[in-house]
Amino acid sequence: MKGANFSFIVVGMTKSELIARLAARNPHLYQRDVERIVATVFDEISKALAGGHRVELRGFGAFSVKKREPRTGRNPRTGEQVAVASKRVPYFKTGKDLRDRLNKEAVKAAGLAPPESSEDKKS
């Protein structure tokens, strides 16, 4: 598209970057200890989900497992119908605090007025 001005900002964080940031914010901890802590947290969340349990981190969100029913899919190359078995998939639902923070930052970045909160409407 000639003349189009696209600006894509792809920002992500890998596990290694998370460990580096946590180690930088906690200089009293060795990086290898931070690595163990992060690995342990992820492992415990994974074990809980594998056991069918829900993991709630108040204010951040909740991890759970949902069951996908069997369905008929399609092979994209041949167009042939394929039976897809039921499976369990991880699901994440954001907590209210995280959702509010994300929306506040999005509004700020867009230069828009913040949405009215329920407290503002009471006045």
PDB file of N, CA and C in Angstrom:
ATOM      1  N   MET A   1       0.847  -1.184   0.000  1.00  0.00           N
ATOM      2  CA  MET A   1       0.000   0.000   0.000  1.00  0.00           C
ATOM      3  C   MET A   1       0.885   1.236   0.000  1.00  0.00           C
ATOM      4  N   LYS A   2       0.950   1.857  -1.137  1.00  0.00           N
ATOM      5  CA  LYS A   2       1.798   3.019  -1.297  1.00  0.00           C
ATOM      6  C   LYS A   2       1.232   4.192  -0.501  1.00  0.00           C
ATOM      7  N   GLY A   3       2.119   4.860   0.232  1.00  0.00           N
ATOM      8  CA  GLY A   3       1.712   6.023   0.991  1.00  0.00           C
ATOM      9  C   GLY A   3       1.094   5.711   2.346  1.00  0.00           C
ATOM     10  N   ALA A   4       0.831   4.444   2.613  1.00  0.00           N
ATOM     11  CA  ALA A   4       0.237   4.089   3.906  1.00  0.00           C
ATOM     12  C   ALA A   4       1.294   4.208   4.990  1.00  0.00           C
ATOM     13  N   ASN A   5       0.890   4.714   6.112  1.00  0.00           N
ATOM     14  CA  ASN A   5       1.811   4.872   7.223  1.00  0.00           C
ATOM     15  C   ASN A   5       1.372   3.943   8.350  1.00  0.00           C
ATOM     16  N   PHE A   6       1.961   2.770   8.382  1.00  0.00           N
ATOM     17  CA  PHE A   6       1.627   1.810   9.428  1.00  0.00           C
ATOM     18  C   PHE A   6       2.699   1.871  10.498  1.00  0.00           C
ATOM     19  N   SER A   7       2.283   1.926  11.727  1.00  0.00           N
ATOM     20  CA  SER A   7       3.267   1.853  12.802  1.00  0.00           C
ATOM     21  C   SER A   7       2.837   0.733  13.741  1.00  0.00           C
ATOM     22  N   PHE A   8       3.565  -0.349  13.682  1.00  0.00           N
ATOM     23  CA  PHE A   8       3.279  -1.493  14.528  1.00  0.00           C
ATOM     24  C   PHE A   8       4.308  -1.533  15.641  1.00  0.00           C
ATOM     25  N   ILE A   9       3.841  -1.612  16.834  1.00  0.00           N
ATOM     26  CA  ILE A   9       4.740  -1.755  17.964  1.00  0.00           C
ATOM     27  C   ILE A   9       4.448  -3.114  18.576  1.00  0.00           C
ATOM     28  N   VAL A  10       5.409  -3.989  18.474  1.00  0.00           N
ATOM     29  CA  VAL A  10       5.244  -5.314  19.042  1.00  0.00           C
ATOM     30  C   VAL A  10       6.109  -5.377  20.285  1.00  0.00           C
ATOM     31  N   VAL A  11       5.451  -5.443  21.409  1.00  0.00           N
ATOM     32  CA  VAL A  11       6.167  -5.500  22.665  1.00  0.00           C
ATOM     33  C   VAL A  11       5.715  -6.760  23.378  1.00  0.00           C
ATOM     34  N   GLY A  12       6.649  -7.569  23.747  1.00  0.00           N
ATOM     35  CA  GLY A  12       6.329  -8.787  24.467  1.00  0.00           C
ATOM     36  C   GLY A  12       7.366  -8.999  25.543  1.00  0.00           C
ATOM     37  N   MET A  13       7.154 -10.014  26.314  1.00  0.00           N
ATOM     38  CA  MET A  13       8.119 -10.329  27.343  1.00  0.00           C
ATOM     39  C   MET A  13       8.285 -11.838  27.390  1.00  0.00           C
ATOM     40  N   THR A  14       9.523 -12.275  27.279  1.00  0.00           N
ATOM     41  CA  THR A  14       9.808 -13.697  27.386  1.00  0.00           C
ATOM     42  C   THR A  14      10.062 -14.043  28.848  1.00  0.00           C
ATOM     43  N   LYS A  15      10.113 -15.323  29.119  1.00  0.00           N
ATOM     44  CA  LYS A  15      10.396 -15.780  30.484  1.00  0.00           C
ATOM     45  C   LYS A  15      11.762 -15.252  30.935  1.00  0.00           C
ATOM     46  N   SER A  16      12.752 -15.269  30.039  1.00  0.00           N
ATOM     47  CA  SER A  16      14.097 -14.770  30.364  1.00  0.00           C
ATOM     48  C   SER A  16      14.069 -13.283  30.699  1.00  0.00           C
ATOM     49  N   GLU A  17      13.280 -12.512  29.944  1.00  0.00           N
ATOM     50  CA  GLU A  17      13.170 -11.074  30.218  1.00  0.00           C
ATOM     51  C   GLU A  17      12.471 -10.831  31.552  1.00  0.00           C
ATOM     52  N   LEU A  18      11.462 -11.622  31.863  1.00  0.00           N
ATOM     53  CA  LEU A  18      10.782 -11.510  33.154  1.00  0.00           C
ATOM     54  C   LEU A  18      11.770 -11.764  34.284  1.00  0.00           C
ATOM     55  N   ILE A  19      12.566 -12.813  34.155  1.00  0.00           N
ATOM     56  CA  ILE A  19      13.560 -13.149  35.182  1.00  0.00           C
ATOM     57  C   ILE A  19      14.565 -12.013  35.334  1.00  0.00           C
ATOM     58  N   ALA A  20      15.037 -11.468  34.223  1.00  0.00           N
ATOM     59  CA  ALA A  20      16.013 -10.369  34.267  1.00  0.00           C
ATOM     60  C   ALA A  20      15.421  -9.141  34.956  1.00  0.00           C
ATOM     61  N   ARG A  21      14.166  -8.816  34.646  1.00  0.00           N
ATOM     62  CA  ARG A  21      13.521  -7.656  35.280  1.00  0.00           C
ATOM     63  C   ARG A  21      13.337  -7.871  36.780  1.00  0.00           C
ATOM     64  N   LEU A  22      12.899  -9.069  37.153  1.00  0.00           N
ATOM     65  CA  LEU A  22      12.714  -9.361  38.577  1.00  0.00           C
ATOM     66  C   LEU A  22      14.045  -9.319  39.320  1.00  0.00           C
ATOM     67  N   ALA A  23      15.097  -9.846  38.707  1.00  0.00           N
ATOM     68  CA  ALA A  23      16.422  -9.827  39.327  1.00  0.00           C
ATOM     69  C   ALA A  23      16.921  -8.392  39.481  1.00  0.00           C
ATOM     70  N   ALA A  24      16.666  -7.548  38.492  1.00  0.00           N
ATOM     71  CA  ALA A  24      17.092  -6.146  38.558  1.00  0.00           C
ATOM     72  C   ALA A  24      16.345  -5.392  39.656  1.00  0.00           C
ATOM     73  N   ARG A  25      15.066  -5.723  39.850  1.00  0.00           N
ATOM     74  CA  ARG A  25      14.267  -5.045  40.881  1.00  0.00           C
ATOM     75  C   ARG A  25      14.543  -5.580  42.277  1.00  0.00           C
ATOM     76  N   ASN A  26      15.207  -6.732  42.348  1.00  0.00           N
ATOM     77  CA  ASN A  26      15.521  -7.356  43.637  1.00  0.00           C
ATOM     78  C   ASN A  26      17.002  -7.711  43.680  1.00  0.00           C
ATOM     79  N   PRO A  27      17.880  -6.695  43.787  1.00  0.00           N
ATOM     80  CA  PRO A  27      19.321  -6.948  43.709  1.00  0.00           C
ATOM     81  C   PRO A  27      19.856  -7.830  44.841  1.00  0.00           C
ATOM     82  N   HIS A  28      19.083  -7.995  45.900  1.00  0.00           N
ATOM     83  CA  HIS A  28      19.512  -8.855  47.004  1.00  0.00           C
ATOM     84  C   HIS A  28      19.359 -10.340  46.671  1.00  0.00           C
ATOM     85  N   LEU A  29      18.711 -10.658  45.544  1.00  0.00           N
ATOM     86  CA  LEU A  29      18.537 -12.048  45.111  1.00  0.00           C
ATOM     87  C   LEU A  29      19.466 -12.350  43.942  1.00  0.00           C
ATOM     88  N   TYR A  30      20.021 -13.542  43.944  1.00  0.00           N
ATOM     89  CA  TYR A  30      20.819 -13.990  42.801  1.00  0.00           C
ATOM     90  C   TYR A  30      19.875 -14.314  41.647  1.00  0.00           C
ATOM     91  N   GLN A  31      20.353 -14.114  40.418  1.00  0.00           N
ATOM     92  CA  GLN A  31      19.513 -14.390  39.253  1.00  0.00           C
ATOM     93  C   GLN A  31      19.091 -15.858  39.218  1.00  0.00           C
ATOM     94  N   ARG A  32      19.968 -16.765  39.625  1.00  0.00           N
ATOM     95  CA  ARG A  32      19.607 -18.193  39.602  1.00  0.00           C
ATOM     96  C   ARG A  32      18.470 -18.487  40.577  1.00  0.00           C
ATOM     97  N   ASP A  33      18.413 -17.723  41.698  1.00  0.00           N
ATOM     98  CA  ASP A  33      17.307 -17.907  42.645  1.00  0.00           C
ATOM     99  C   ASP A  33      15.998 -17.396  42.046  1.00  0.00           C
ATOM    100  N   VAL A  34      16.068 -16.271  41.343  1.00  0.00           N
ATOM    101  CA  VAL A  34      14.879 -15.727  40.679  1.00  0.00           C
ATOM    102  C   VAL A  34      14.399 -16.716  39.614  1.00  0.00           C
ATOM    103  N   GLU A  35      15.332 -17.315  38.874  1.00  0.00           N
ATOM    104  CA  GLU A  35      14.973 -18.324  37.866  1.00  0.00           C
ATOM    105  C   GLU A  35      14.220 -19.483  38.506  1.00  0.00           C
ATOM    106  N   ARG A  36      14.712 -19.952  39.662  1.00  0.00           N
ATOM    107  CA  ARG A  36      14.049 -21.061  40.365  1.00  0.00           C
ATOM    108  C   ARG A  36      12.654 -20.665  40.828  1.00  0.00           C
ATOM    109  N   ILE A  37      12.523 -19.451  41.333  1.00  0.00           N
ATOM    110  CA  ILE A  37      11.220 -18.980  41.822  1.00  0.00           C
ATOM    111  C   ILE A  37      10.219 -18.918  40.670  1.00  0.00           C
ATOM    112  N   VAL A  38      10.616 -18.306  39.562  1.00  0.00           N
ATOM    113  CA  VAL A  38       9.723 -18.189  38.402  1.00  0.00           C
ATOM    114  C   VAL A  38       9.350 -19.575  37.883  1.00  0.00           C
ATOM    115  N   ALA A  39      10.333 -20.463  37.770  1.00  0.00           N
ATOM    116  CA  ALA A  39      10.067 -21.826  37.292  1.00  0.00           C
ATOM    117  C   ALA A  39       9.108 -22.550  38.234  1.00  0.00           C
ATOM    118  N   THR A  40       9.287 -22.354  39.536  1.00  0.00           N
ATOM    119  CA  THR A  40       8.418 -23.003  40.523  1.00  0.00           C
ATOM    120  C   THR A  40       6.992 -22.476  40.429  1.00  0.00           C
ATOM    121  N   VAL A  41       6.833 -21.166  40.277  1.00  0.00           N
ATOM    122  CA  VAL A  41       5.492 -20.579  40.158  1.00  0.00           C
ATOM    123  C   VAL A  41       4.785 -21.140  38.924  1.00  0.00           C
ATOM    124  N   PHE A  42       5.473 -21.135  37.784  1.00  0.00           N
ATOM    125  CA  PHE A  42       4.866 -21.667  36.556  1.00  0.00           C
ATOM    126  C   PHE A  42       4.547 -23.150  36.695  1.00  0.00           C
ATOM    127  N   ASP A  43       5.441 -23.894  37.336  1.00  0.00           N
ATOM    128  CA  ASP A  43       5.234 -25.328  37.523  1.00  0.00           C
ATOM    129  C   ASP A  43       4.017 -25.596  38.405  1.00  0.00           C
ATOM    130  N   GLU A  44       3.871 -24.835  39.482  1.00  0.00           N
ATOM    131  CA  GLU A  44       2.730 -25.026  40.386  1.00  0.00           C
ATOM    132  C   GLU A  44       1.406 -24.673  39.704  1.00  0.00           C
ATOM    133  N   ILE A  45       1.410 -23.608  38.918  1.00  0.00           N
ATOM    134  CA  ILE A  45       0.196 -23.248  38.168  1.00  0.00           C
ATOM    135  C   ILE A  45      -0.140 -24.360  37.176  1.00  0.00           C
ATOM    136  N   SER A  46       0.875 -24.860  36.475  1.00  0.00           N
ATOM    137  CA  SER A  46       0.658 -25.942  35.502  1.00  0.00           C
ATOM    138  C   SER A  46       0.124 -27.202  36.167  1.00  0.00           C
ATOM    139  N   LYS A  47       0.690 -27.569  37.319  1.00  0.00           N
ATOM    140  CA  LYS A  47       0.233 -28.764  38.042  1.00  0.00           C
ATOM    141  C   LYS A  47      -1.217 -28.615  38.485  1.00  0.00           C
ATOM    142  N   ALA A  48      -1.558 -27.440  38.996  1.00  0.00           N
ATOM    143  CA  ALA A  48      -2.934 -27.206  39.451  1.00  0.00           C
ATOM    144  C   ALA A  48      -3.905 -27.326  38.282  1.00  0.00           C
ATOM    145  N   LEU A  49      -3.569 -26.723  37.154  1.00  0.00           N
ATOM    146  CA  LEU A  49      -4.441 -26.793  35.978  1.00  0.00           C
ATOM    147  C   LEU A  49      -4.554 -28.224  35.460  1.00  0.00           C
ATOM    148  N   ALA A  50      -3.438 -28.951  35.452  1.00  0.00           N
ATOM    149  CA  ALA A  50      -3.457 -30.345  34.997  1.00  0.00           C
ATOM    150  C   ALA A  50      -4.361 -31.188  35.894  1.00  0.00           C
ATOM    151  N   GLY A  51      -4.460 -30.799  37.168  1.00  0.00           N
ATOM    152  CA  GLY A  51      -5.330 -31.500  38.107  1.00  0.00           C
ATOM    153  C   GLY A  51      -6.771 -31.021  38.045  1.00  0.00           C
ATOM    154  N   GLY A  52      -7.063 -30.109  37.128  1.00  0.00           N
ATOM    155  CA  GLY A  52      -8.429 -29.609  36.971  1.00  0.00           C
ATOM    156  C   GLY A  52      -8.798 -28.504  37.939  1.00  0.00           C
ATOM    157  N   HIS A  53      -7.801 -27.937  38.622  1.00  0.00           N
ATOM    158  CA  HIS A  53      -8.065 -26.881  39.603  1.00  0.00           C
ATOM    159  C   HIS A  53      -7.956 -25.497  38.969  1.00  0.00           C
ATOM    160  N   ARG A  54      -8.525 -24.537  39.641  1.00  0.00           N
ATOM    161  CA  ARG A  54      -8.495 -23.137  39.220  1.00  0.00           C
ATOM    162  C   ARG A  54      -7.419 -22.437  40.044  1.00  0.00           C
ATOM    163  N   VAL A  55      -6.677 -21.524  39.439  1.00  0.00           N
ATOM    164  CA  VAL A  55      -5.650 -20.765  40.148  1.00  0.00           C
ATOM    165  C   VAL A  55      -6.024 -19.298  40.071  1.00  0.00           C
ATOM    166  N   GLU A  56      -6.318 -18.706  41.228  1.00  0.00           N
ATOM    167  CA  GLU A  56      -6.724 -17.301  41.260  1.00  0.00           C
ATOM    168  C   GLU A  56      -5.636 -16.456  41.901  1.00  0.00           C
ATOM    169  N   LEU A  57      -5.238 -15.408  41.193  1.00  0.00           N
ATOM    170  CA  LEU A  57      -4.284 -14.432  41.705  1.00  0.00           C
ATOM    171  C   LEU A  57      -5.065 -13.129  41.824  1.00  0.00           C
ATOM    172  N   ARG A  58      -5.548 -12.842  43.020  1.00  0.00           N
ATOM    173  CA  ARG A  58      -6.448 -11.699  43.237  1.00  0.00           C
ATOM    174  C   ARG A  58      -5.910 -10.420  42.619  1.00  0.00           C
ATOM    175  N   GLY A  59      -6.776  -9.728  41.914  1.00  0.00           N
ATOM    176  CA  GLY A  59      -6.410  -8.473  41.276  1.00  0.00           C
ATOM    177  C   GLY A  59      -5.744  -8.660  39.921  1.00  0.00           C
ATOM    178  N   PHE A  60      -5.170  -9.828  39.687  1.00  0.00           N
ATOM    179  CA  PHE A  60      -4.489 -10.103  38.415  1.00  0.00           C
ATOM    180  C   PHE A  60      -5.390 -10.897  37.488  1.00  0.00           C
ATOM    181  N   GLY A  61      -5.858 -12.048  37.976  1.00  0.00           N
ATOM    182  CA  GLY A  61      -6.740 -12.865  37.159  1.00  0.00           C
ATOM    183  C   GLY A  61      -6.791 -14.293  37.644  1.00  0.00           C
ATOM    184  N   ALA A  62      -7.495 -15.123  36.895  1.00  0.00           N
ATOM    185  CA  ALA A  62      -7.661 -16.524  37.273  1.00  0.00           C
ATOM    186  C   ALA A  62      -7.408 -17.423  36.070  1.00  0.00           C
ATOM    187  N   PHE A  63      -6.625 -18.453  36.307  1.00  0.00           N
ATOM    188  CA  PHE A  63      -6.373 -19.482  35.306  1.00  0.00           C
ATOM    189  C   PHE A  63      -7.312 -20.644  35.591  1.00  0.00           C
ATOM    190  N   SER A  64      -7.892 -21.205  34.557  1.00  0.00           N
ATOM    191  CA  SER A  64      -8.742 -22.379  34.730  1.00  0.00           C
ATOM    192  C   SER A  64      -8.641 -23.227  33.469  1.00  0.00           C
ATOM    193  N   VAL A  65      -9.325 -24.362  33.496  1.00  0.00           N
ATOM    194  CA  VAL A  65      -9.314 -25.272  32.354  1.00  0.00           C
ATOM    195  C   VAL A  65     -10.735 -25.391  31.840  1.00  0.00           C
ATOM    196  N   LYS A  66     -10.897 -25.264  30.540  1.00  0.00           N
ATOM    197  CA  LYS A  66     -12.215 -25.442  29.924  1.00  0.00           C
ATOM    198  C   LYS A  66     -12.149 -26.650  28.999  1.00  0.00           C
ATOM    199  N   LYS A  67     -13.288 -27.320  28.874  1.00  0.00           N
ATOM    200  CA  LYS A  67     -13.355 -28.482  27.995  1.00  0.00           C
ATOM    201  C   LYS A  67     -13.923 -28.050  26.652  1.00  0.00           C
ATOM    202  N   ARG A  68     -13.232 -28.417  25.595  1.00  0.00           N
ATOM    203  CA  ARG A  68     -13.745 -28.182  24.247  1.00  0.00           C
ATOM    204  C   ARG A  68     -14.388 -29.476  23.778  1.00  0.00           C
ATOM    205  N   GLU A  69     -15.598 -29.376  23.335  1.00  0.00           N
ATOM    206  CA  GLU A  69     -16.341 -30.548  22.872  1.00  0.00           C
ATOM    207  C   GLU A  69     -15.766 -31.048  21.545  1.00  0.00           C
ATOM    208  N   PRO A  70     -15.975 -32.329  21.239  1.00  0.00           N
ATOM    209  CA  PRO A  70     -15.519 -32.827  19.938  1.00  0.00           C
ATOM    210  C   PRO A  70     -16.271 -32.109  18.816  1.00  0.00           C
ATOM    211  N   ARG A  71     -15.612 -31.961  17.684  1.00  0.00           N
ATOM    212  CA  ARG A  71     -16.239 -31.250  16.576  1.00  0.00           C
ATOM    213  C   ARG A  71     -15.692 -31.781  15.262  1.00  0.00           C
ATOM    214  N   THR A  72     -16.299 -31.348  14.210  1.00  0.00           N
ATOM    215  CA  THR A  72     -15.806 -31.697  12.883  1.00  0.00           C
ATOM    216  C   THR A  72     -15.029 -30.504  12.352  1.00  0.00           C
ATOM    217  N   GLY A  73     -13.763 -30.738  12.042  1.00  0.00           N
ATOM    218  CA  GLY A  73     -12.920 -29.687  11.489  1.00  0.00           C
ATOM    219  C   GLY A  73     -12.685 -29.944  10.012  1.00  0.00           C
ATOM    220  N   ARG A  74     -11.806 -29.154   9.445  1.00  0.00           N
ATOM    221  CA  ARG A  74     -11.520 -29.297   8.022  1.00  0.00           C
ATOM    222  C   ARG A  74     -10.011 -29.205   7.811  1.00  0.00           C
ATOM    223  N   ASN A  75      -9.474 -30.122   7.017  1.00  0.00           N
ATOM    224  CA  ASN A  75      -8.068 -30.074   6.644  1.00  0.00           C
ATOM    225  C   ASN A  75      -7.911 -28.905   5.670  1.00  0.00           C
ATOM    226  N   PRO A  76      -7.102 -27.890   6.020  1.00  0.00           N
ATOM    227  CA  PRO A  76      -7.001 -26.708   5.161  1.00  0.00           C
ATOM    228  C   PRO A  76      -6.399 -26.992   3.780  1.00  0.00           C
ATOM    229  N   ARG A  77      -5.578 -28.017   3.668  1.00  0.00           N
ATOM    230  CA  ARG A  77      -4.970 -28.337   2.367  1.00  0.00           C
ATOM    231  C   ARG A  77      -5.943 -29.025   1.426  1.00  0.00           C
ATOM    232  N   THR A  78      -6.652 -30.019   1.969  1.00  0.00           N
ATOM    233  CA  THR A  78      -7.506 -30.841   1.099  1.00  0.00           C
ATOM    234  C   THR A  78      -8.974 -30.468   1.171  1.00  0.00           C
ATOM    235  N   GLY A  79      -9.362 -29.767   2.234  1.00  0.00           N
ATOM    236  CA  GLY A  79     -10.768 -29.432   2.417  1.00  0.00           C
ATOM    237  C   GLY A  79     -11.561 -30.596   2.996  1.00  0.00           C
ATOM    238  N   GLU A  80     -10.882 -31.709   3.240  1.00  0.00           N
ATOM    239  CA  GLU A  80     -11.519 -32.914   3.769  1.00  0.00           C
ATOM    240  C   GLU A  80     -11.951 -32.702   5.220  1.00  0.00           C
ATOM    241  N   GLN A  81     -13.123 -33.236   5.580  1.00  0.00           N
ATOM    242  CA  GLN A  81     -13.598 -33.137   6.960  1.00  0.00           C
ATOM    243  C   GLN A  81     -12.785 -34.074   7.844  1.00  0.00           C
ATOM    244  N   VAL A  82     -12.483 -33.578   9.060  1.00  0.00           N
ATOM    245  CA  VAL A  82     -11.678 -34.338  10.009  1.00  0.00           C
ATOM    246  C   VAL A  82     -12.360 -34.279  11.367  1.00  0.00           C
ATOM    247  N   ALA A  83     -12.400 -35.410  12.070  1.00  0.00           N
ATOM    248  CA  ALA A  83     -12.967 -35.439  13.421  1.00  0.00           C
ATOM    249  C   ALA A  83     -11.915 -34.910  14.394  1.00  0.00           C
ATOM    250  N   VAL A  84     -12.294 -33.905  15.175  1.00  0.00           N
ATOM    251  CA  VAL A  84     -11.400 -33.338  16.181  1.00  0.00           C
ATOM    252  C   VAL A  84     -11.933 -33.777  17.542  1.00  0.00           C
ATOM    253  N   ALA A  85     -11.091 -34.468  18.304  1.00  0.00           N
ATOM    254  CA  ALA A  85     -11.503 -35.005  19.602  1.00  0.00           C
ATOM    255  C   ALA A  85     -11.704 -33.887  20.621  1.00  0.00           C
ATOM    256  N   SER A  86     -12.433 -34.191  21.688  1.00  0.00           N
ATOM    257  CA  SER A  86     -12.594 -33.208  22.758  1.00  0.00           C
ATOM    258  C   SER A  86     -11.243 -33.035  23.444  1.00  0.00           C
ATOM    259  N   LYS A  87     -11.036 -31.869  24.004  1.00  0.00           N
ATOM    260  CA  LYS A  87      -9.775 -31.615  24.699  1.00  0.00           C
ATOM    261  C   LYS A  87      -9.973 -30.550  25.754  1.00  0.00           C
ATOM    262  N   ARG A  88      -9.020 -30.499  26.668  1.00  0.00           N
ATOM    263  CA  ARG A  88      -9.028 -29.471  27.706  1.00  0.00           C
ATOM    264  C   ARG A  88      -8.044 -28.385  27.301  1.00  0.00           C
ATOM    265  N   VAL A  89      -8.466 -27.134  27.461  1.00  0.00           N
ATOM    266  CA  VAL A  89      -7.609 -26.012  27.085  1.00  0.00           C
ATOM    267  C   VAL A  89      -7.512 -25.033  28.256  1.00  0.00           C
ATOM    268  N   PRO A  90      -6.344 -24.393  28.418  1.00  0.00           N
ATOM    269  CA  PRO A  90      -6.208 -23.401  29.484  1.00  0.00           C
ATOM    270  C   PRO A  90      -7.000 -22.144  29.136  1.00  0.00           C
ATOM    271  N   TYR A  91      -7.496 -21.487  30.165  1.00  0.00           N
ATOM    272  CA  TYR A  91      -8.303 -20.280  29.999  1.00  0.00           C
ATOM    273  C   TYR A  91      -7.845 -19.280  31.047  1.00  0.00           C
ATOM    274  N   PHE A  92      -7.744 -18.007  30.669  1.00  0.00           N
ATOM    275  CA  PHE A  92      -7.356 -16.960  31.615  1.00  0.00           C
ATOM    276  C   PHE A  92      -8.399 -15.861  31.597  1.00  0.00           C
ATOM    277  N   LYS A  93      -8.873 -15.491  32.765  1.00  0.00           N
ATOM    278  CA  LYS A  93      -9.822 -14.387  32.888  1.00  0.00           C
ATOM    279  C   LYS A  93      -9.150 -13.302  33.723  1.00  0.00           C
ATOM    280  N   THR A  94      -9.080 -12.095  33.172  1.00  0.00           N
ATOM    281  CA  THR A  94      -8.411 -11.007  33.889  1.00  0.00           C
ATOM    282  C   THR A  94      -9.200 -10.599  35.115  1.00  0.00           C
ATOM    283  N   GLY A  95      -8.468 -10.149  36.122  1.00  0.00           N
ATOM    284  CA  GLY A  95      -9.084  -9.622  37.327  1.00  0.00           C
ATOM    285  C   GLY A  95      -9.466  -8.168  37.119  1.00  0.00           C
ATOM    286  N   LYS A  96     -10.316  -7.661  37.986  1.00  0.00           N
ATOM    287  CA  LYS A  96     -10.807  -6.286  37.851  1.00  0.00           C
ATOM    288  C   LYS A  96      -9.668  -5.264  37.918  1.00  0.00           C
ATOM    289  N   ASP A  97      -8.740  -5.437  38.855  1.00  0.00           N
ATOM    290  CA  ASP A  97      -7.639  -4.477  38.991  1.00  0.00           C
ATOM    291  C   ASP A  97      -6.795  -4.415  37.716  1.00  0.00           C
ATOM    292  N   LEU A  98      -6.479  -5.566  37.149  1.00  0.00           N
ATOM    293  CA  LEU A  98      -5.686  -5.600  35.918  1.00  0.00           C
ATOM    294  C   LEU A  98      -6.460  -4.984  34.759  1.00  0.00           C
ATOM    295  N   ARG A  99      -7.725  -5.328  34.644  1.00  0.00           N
ATOM    296  CA  ARG A  99      -8.573  -4.787  33.568  1.00  0.00           C
ATOM    297  C   ARG A  99      -8.644  -3.264  33.672  1.00  0.00           C
ATOM    298  N   ASP A 100      -8.862  -2.747  34.885  1.00  0.00           N
ATOM    299  CA  ASP A 100      -8.929  -1.295  35.087  1.00  0.00           C
ATOM    300  C   ASP A 100      -7.605  -0.631  34.721  1.00  0.00           C
ATOM    301  N   ARG A 101      -6.506  -1.246  35.126  1.00  0.00           N
ATOM    302  CA  ARG A 101      -5.189  -0.674  34.832  1.00  0.00           C
ATOM    303  C   ARG A 101      -4.926  -0.649  33.323  1.00  0.00           C
ATOM    304  N   LEU A 102      -5.270  -1.736  32.636  1.00  0.00           N
ATOM    305  CA  LEU A 102      -5.075  -1.789  31.183  1.00  0.00           C
ATOM    306  C   LEU A 102      -5.908  -0.734  30.473  1.00  0.00           C
ATOM    307  N   ASN A 103      -7.156  -0.580  30.885  1.00  0.00           N
ATOM    308  CA  ASN A 103      -8.034   0.396  30.246  1.00  0.00           C
ATOM    309  C   ASN A 103      -7.585   1.820  30.526  1.00  0.00           C
ATOM    310  N   LYS A 104      -7.113   2.080  31.730  1.00  0.00           N
ATOM    311  CA  LYS A 104      -6.621   3.405  32.084  1.00  0.00           C
ATOM    312  C   LYS A 104      -5.393   3.748  31.239  1.00  0.00           C
ATOM    313  N   GLU A 105      -4.475   2.783  31.062  1.00  0.00           N
ATOM    314  CA  GLU A 105      -3.268   3.020  30.266  1.00  0.00           C
ATOM    315  C   GLU A 105      -3.597   3.175  28.782  1.00  0.00           C
ATOM    316  N   ALA A 106      -4.583   2.433  28.287  1.00  0.00           N
ATOM    317  CA  ALA A 106      -4.981   2.536  26.880  1.00  0.00           C
ATOM    318  C   ALA A 106      -5.586   3.908  26.600  1.00  0.00           C
ATOM    319  N   VAL A 107      -6.404   4.390  27.508  1.00  0.00           N
ATOM    320  CA  VAL A 107      -7.033   5.702  27.358  1.00  0.00           C
ATOM    321  C   VAL A 107      -5.964   6.787  27.399  1.00  0.00           C
ATOM    322  N   LYS A 108      -5.021   6.644  28.313  1.00  0.00           N
ATOM    323  CA  LYS A 108      -3.944   7.614  28.455  1.00  0.00           C
ATOM    324  C   LYS A 108      -3.095   7.654  27.179  1.00  0.00           C
ATOM    325  N   ALA A 109      -2.764   6.484  26.627  1.00  0.00           N
ATOM    326  CA  ALA A 109      -1.951   6.402  25.410  1.00  0.00           C
ATOM    327  C   ALA A 109      -2.675   6.997  24.207  1.00  0.00           C
ATOM    328  N   ALA A 110      -3.994   6.861  24.175  1.00  0.00           N
ATOM    329  CA  ALA A 110      -4.775   7.383  23.050  1.00  0.00           C
ATOM    330  C   ALA A 110      -5.078   8.869  23.208  1.00  0.00           C
ATOM    331  N   GLY A 111      -4.785   9.421  24.392  1.00  0.00           N
ATOM    332  CA  GLY A 111      -5.048  10.834  24.630  1.00  0.00           C
ATOM    333  C   GLY A 111      -6.519  11.153  24.778  1.00  0.00           C
ATOM    334  N   LEU A 112      -7.298  10.185  25.205  1.00  0.00           N
ATOM    335  CA  LEU A 112      -8.740  10.373  25.377  1.00  0.00           C
ATOM    336  C   LEU A 112      -9.070  10.639  26.837  1.00  0.00           C
ATOM    337  N   ALA A 113     -10.267  11.132  27.062  1.00  0.00           N
ATOM    338  CA  ALA A 113     -10.730  11.333  28.433  1.00  0.00           C
ATOM    339  C   ALA A 113     -11.031   9.973  29.038  1.00  0.00           C
ATOM    340  N   PRO A 114     -10.699   9.774  30.324  1.00  0.00           N
ATOM    341  CA  PRO A 114     -10.984   8.487  30.955  1.00  0.00           C
ATOM    342  C   PRO A 114     -12.480   8.239  31.051  1.00  0.00           C
ATOM    343  N   PRO A 115     -12.901   6.967  30.974  1.00  0.00           N
ATOM    344  CA  PRO A 115     -14.329   6.662  31.094  1.00  0.00           C
ATOM    345  C   PRO A 115     -14.819   6.988  32.492  1.00  0.00           C
ATOM    346  N   GLU A 116     -16.098   7.352  32.577  1.00  0.00           N
ATOM    347  CA  GLU A 116     -16.669   7.667  33.884  1.00  0.00           C
ATOM    348  C   GLU A 116     -16.733   6.412  34.723  1.00  0.00           C
ATOM    349  N   SER A 117     -16.285   6.535  35.974  1.00  0.00           N
ATOM    350  CA  SER A 117     -16.399   5.391  36.875  1.00  0.00           C
ATOM    351  C   SER A 117     -17.758   5.450  37.541  1.00  0.00           C
ATOM    352  N   SER A 118     -18.140   4.367  38.173  1.00  0.00           N
ATOM    353  CA  SER A 118     -19.444   4.322  38.832  1.00  0.00           C
ATOM    354  C   SER A 118     -19.507   5.326  39.981  1.00  0.00           C
ATOM    355  N   GLU A 119     -18.330   5.664  40.570  1.00  0.00           N
ATOM    356  CA  GLU A 119     -18.308   6.647  41.654  1.00  0.00           C
ATOM    357  C   GLU A 119     -18.603   8.044  41.125  1.00  0.00           C
ATOM    358  N   ASP A 120     -18.106   8.352  39.897  1.00  0.00           N
ATOM    359  CA  ASP A 120     -18.351   9.660  39.298  1.00  0.00           C
ATOM    360  C   ASP A 120     -19.831   9.866  39.016  1.00  0.00           C
ATOM    361  N   LYS A 121     -20.532   8.807  38.653  1.00  0.00           N
ATOM    362  CA  LYS A 121     -21.944   8.901  38.297  1.00  0.00           C
ATOM    363  C   LYS A 121     -22.823   9.179  39.510  1.00  0.00           C
ATOM    364  N   LYS A 122     -22.358   8.804  40.716  1.00  0.00           N
ATOM    365  CA  LYS A 122     -23.150   8.988  41.936  1.00  0.00           C
ATOM    366  C   LYS A 122     -23.220  10.451  42.352  1.00  0.00           C
ATOM    367  N   SER A 123     -22.219  11.249  41.974  1.00  0.00           N
ATOM    368  CA  SER A 123     -22.146  12.653  42.399  1.00  0.00           C
ATOM    369  C   SER A 123     -23.208  13.505  41.775  1.00  0.00           C
TER     370      SER A 123
END
